[in-house]
Amino acid sequence: MLKRFVASRIVKVFVFSVMLITTGNELISNFYELGAHHGIALFAVFQLMKALSEFYEAADILEGT
């Protein structure tokens, strides 16, 4: 059950949205100080786009049936 919960697309979108919001706050307050928040923000954007593309693929599959 835990494995299915972690693999859920909705959970992925939620987690990476939270990552993006929290790192966005750090980026706004400390933009010129290089730190881990820059890399985490890029990682969160990439992972969020990947999770959203899975939703579009699922929608294409459902339209084909």
N, C-alpha and C. Protein backbone atom coordinates (compact mmCIF):
# COMPACT_ATOMS: atom_id res chain seq x y z
N MET A 1 0.82 -1.19 0.00
CA MET A 1 0.00 0.00 0.00
C MET A 1 0.86 1.26 0.00
N LEU A 2 1.93 1.25 0.78
CA LEU A 2 2.83 2.41 0.82
C LEU A 2 3.51 2.64 -0.52
N LYS A 3 3.88 1.54 -1.18
CA LYS A 3 4.53 1.65 -2.48
C LYS A 3 3.59 2.28 -3.50
N ARG A 4 2.31 1.89 -3.45
CA ARG A 4 1.32 2.46 -4.37
C ARG A 4 1.08 3.94 -4.08
N PHE A 5 1.08 4.30 -2.79
CA PHE A 5 0.89 5.69 -2.39
C PHE A 5 2.04 6.57 -2.88
N VAL A 6 3.27 6.09 -2.71
CA VAL A 6 4.45 6.86 -3.12
C VAL A 6 4.52 6.98 -4.64
N ALA A 7 4.06 5.96 -5.35
CA ALA A 7 4.11 5.99 -6.82
C ALA A 7 2.96 6.77 -7.44
N SER A 8 2.04 7.26 -6.63
CA SER A 8 0.88 7.98 -7.14
C SER A 8 1.31 9.29 -7.81
N ARG A 9 0.71 9.58 -8.94
CA ARG A 9 1.04 10.81 -9.67
C ARG A 9 0.62 12.04 -8.89
N ILE A 10 -0.50 11.96 -8.21
CA ILE A 10 -0.98 13.12 -7.44
C ILE A 10 -0.03 13.44 -6.30
N VAL A 11 0.49 12.41 -5.64
CA VAL A 11 1.45 12.63 -4.56
C VAL A 11 2.72 13.25 -5.12
N LYS A 12 3.17 12.78 -6.28
CA LYS A 12 4.37 13.34 -6.90
C LYS A 12 4.18 14.83 -7.20
N VAL A 13 3.05 15.17 -7.79
CA VAL A 13 2.79 16.58 -8.11
C VAL A 13 2.74 17.41 -6.84
N PHE A 14 2.10 16.89 -5.79
CA PHE A 14 2.02 17.62 -4.53
C PHE A 14 3.41 17.84 -3.92
N VAL A 15 4.22 16.79 -3.88
CA VAL A 15 5.55 16.89 -3.27
C VAL A 15 6.42 17.89 -4.03
N PHE A 16 6.43 17.80 -5.33
CA PHE A 16 7.28 18.70 -6.09
C PHE A 16 6.73 20.13 -6.14
N SER A 17 5.42 20.28 -6.00
CA SER A 17 4.87 21.63 -5.87
C SER A 17 5.30 22.26 -4.55
N VAL A 18 5.27 21.47 -3.49
CA VAL A 18 5.73 21.98 -2.19
C VAL A 18 7.21 22.33 -2.25
N MET A 19 8.00 21.46 -2.89
CA MET A 19 9.43 21.76 -3.04
C MET A 19 9.64 23.06 -3.80
N LEU A 20 8.87 23.25 -4.85
CA LEU A 20 9.01 24.46 -5.66
C LEU A 20 8.60 25.71 -4.89
N ILE A 21 7.55 25.62 -4.10
CA ILE A 21 7.10 26.77 -3.31
C ILE A 21 8.12 27.13 -2.24
N THR A 22 8.63 26.12 -1.53
CA THR A 22 9.58 26.42 -0.45
C THR A 22 10.91 26.93 -0.99
N THR A 23 11.38 26.35 -2.09
CA THR A 23 12.64 26.86 -2.65
C THR A 23 12.43 28.21 -3.31
N GLY A 24 11.22 28.45 -3.82
CA GLY A 24 10.91 29.77 -4.38
C GLY A 24 11.02 30.85 -3.32
N ASN A 25 10.56 30.54 -2.13
CA ASN A 25 10.68 31.48 -1.03
C ASN A 25 12.16 31.78 -0.72
N GLU A 26 12.98 30.75 -0.71
CA GLU A 26 14.41 30.94 -0.47
C GLU A 26 15.06 31.70 -1.62
N LEU A 27 14.65 31.42 -2.83
CA LEU A 27 15.22 32.12 -3.97
C LEU A 27 14.89 33.61 -3.95
N ILE A 28 13.69 33.93 -3.55
CA ILE A 28 13.29 35.34 -3.50
C ILE A 28 14.08 36.09 -2.42
N SER A 29 14.24 35.46 -1.26
CA SER A 29 14.92 36.15 -0.17
C SER A 29 16.44 36.14 -0.31
N ASN A 30 17.01 35.11 -0.92
CA ASN A 30 18.48 34.99 -1.03
C ASN A 30 18.89 34.66 -2.46
N PHE A 31 18.45 35.44 -3.43
CA PHE A 31 18.70 35.09 -4.83
C PHE A 31 20.19 35.11 -5.17
N TYR A 32 20.92 36.08 -4.68
CA TYR A 32 22.32 36.22 -5.07
C TYR A 32 23.27 35.36 -4.26
N GLU A 33 22.78 34.70 -3.24
CA GLU A 33 23.61 33.77 -2.48
C GLU A 33 23.42 32.39 -3.05
N LEU A 34 24.49 31.83 -3.63
CA LEU A 34 24.37 30.49 -4.20
C LEU A 34 24.24 29.47 -3.08
N GLY A 35 23.34 28.56 -3.27
CA GLY A 35 23.11 27.53 -2.27
C GLY A 35 22.34 26.37 -2.87
N ALA A 36 21.99 25.45 -2.01
CA ALA A 36 21.28 24.26 -2.46
C ALA A 36 19.89 24.58 -3.00
N HIS A 37 19.31 25.69 -2.58
CA HIS A 37 17.96 26.00 -3.02
C HIS A 37 17.86 26.21 -4.53
N HIS A 38 18.94 26.66 -5.17
CA HIS A 38 18.91 26.82 -6.62
C HIS A 38 18.79 25.45 -7.30
N GLY A 39 19.57 24.50 -6.86
CA GLY A 39 19.52 23.15 -7.44
C GLY A 39 18.23 22.44 -7.14
N ILE A 40 17.71 22.62 -5.94
CA ILE A 40 16.45 21.97 -5.58
C ILE A 40 15.31 22.56 -6.40
N ALA A 41 15.36 23.85 -6.67
CA ALA A 41 14.32 24.46 -7.50
C ALA A 41 14.34 23.89 -8.91
N LEU A 42 15.52 23.75 -9.49
CA LEU A 42 15.63 23.16 -10.82
C LEU A 42 15.15 21.71 -10.83
N PHE A 43 15.53 20.96 -9.81
CA PHE A 43 15.11 19.57 -9.69
C PHE A 43 13.59 19.49 -9.56
N ALA A 44 13.01 20.35 -8.76
CA ALA A 44 11.55 20.34 -8.57
C ALA A 44 10.82 20.68 -9.86
N VAL A 45 11.31 21.65 -10.61
CA VAL A 45 10.67 22.00 -11.88
C VAL A 45 10.74 20.83 -12.85
N PHE A 46 11.90 20.20 -12.94
CA PHE A 46 12.07 19.06 -13.84
C PHE A 46 11.15 17.91 -13.46
N GLN A 47 11.10 17.56 -12.18
CA GLN A 47 10.27 16.46 -11.72
C GLN A 47 8.78 16.77 -11.86
N LEU A 48 8.41 18.02 -11.64
CA LEU A 48 7.01 18.42 -11.79
C LEU A 48 6.59 18.31 -13.25
N MET A 49 7.44 18.72 -14.17
CA MET A 49 7.13 18.60 -15.59
C MET A 49 7.03 17.13 -16.00
N LYS A 50 7.88 16.29 -15.42
CA LYS A 50 7.83 14.86 -15.72
C LYS A 50 6.52 14.24 -15.22
N ALA A 51 6.09 14.62 -14.03
CA ALA A 51 4.84 14.09 -13.49
C ALA A 51 3.64 14.59 -14.29
N LEU A 52 3.67 15.84 -14.71
CA LEU A 52 2.57 16.37 -15.52
C LEU A 52 2.50 15.71 -16.88
N SER A 53 3.65 15.35 -17.45
CA SER A 53 3.64 14.66 -18.74
C SER A 53 3.00 13.29 -18.62
N GLU A 54 3.13 12.64 -17.45
CA GLU A 54 2.47 11.35 -17.23
C GLU A 54 0.96 11.52 -17.26
N PHE A 55 0.45 12.63 -16.75
CA PHE A 55 -0.99 12.88 -16.81
C PHE A 55 -1.46 13.03 -18.25
N TYR A 56 -0.67 13.73 -19.08
CA TYR A 56 -1.06 13.90 -20.47
C TYR A 56 -1.01 12.58 -21.23
N GLU A 57 -0.02 11.74 -20.93
CA GLU A 57 0.06 10.43 -21.57
C GLU A 57 -1.15 9.58 -21.18
N ALA A 58 -1.53 9.64 -19.91
CA ALA A 58 -2.69 8.88 -19.45
C ALA A 58 -3.95 9.39 -20.14
N ALA A 59 -4.07 10.69 -20.31
CA ALA A 59 -5.24 11.26 -20.99
C ALA A 59 -5.29 10.81 -22.45
N ASP A 60 -4.15 10.74 -23.11
CA ASP A 60 -4.12 10.26 -24.50
C ASP A 60 -4.54 8.81 -24.59
N ILE A 61 -4.11 8.00 -23.63
CA ILE A 61 -4.49 6.59 -23.63
C ILE A 61 -5.99 6.45 -23.42
N LEU A 62 -6.55 7.24 -22.51
CA LEU A 62 -7.98 7.16 -22.24
C LEU A 62 -8.82 7.63 -23.44
N GLU A 63 -8.33 8.62 -24.17
CA GLU A 63 -9.06 9.09 -25.33
C GLU A 63 -9.05 8.05 -26.45
N GLY A 64 -8.00 7.25 -26.50
CA GLY A 64 -7.88 6.23 -27.54
C GLY A 64 -8.79 5.04 -27.32
N THR A 65 -9.32 4.87 -26.11
CA THR A 65 -10.16 3.69 -25.86
C THR A 65 -11.62 3.98 -26.10
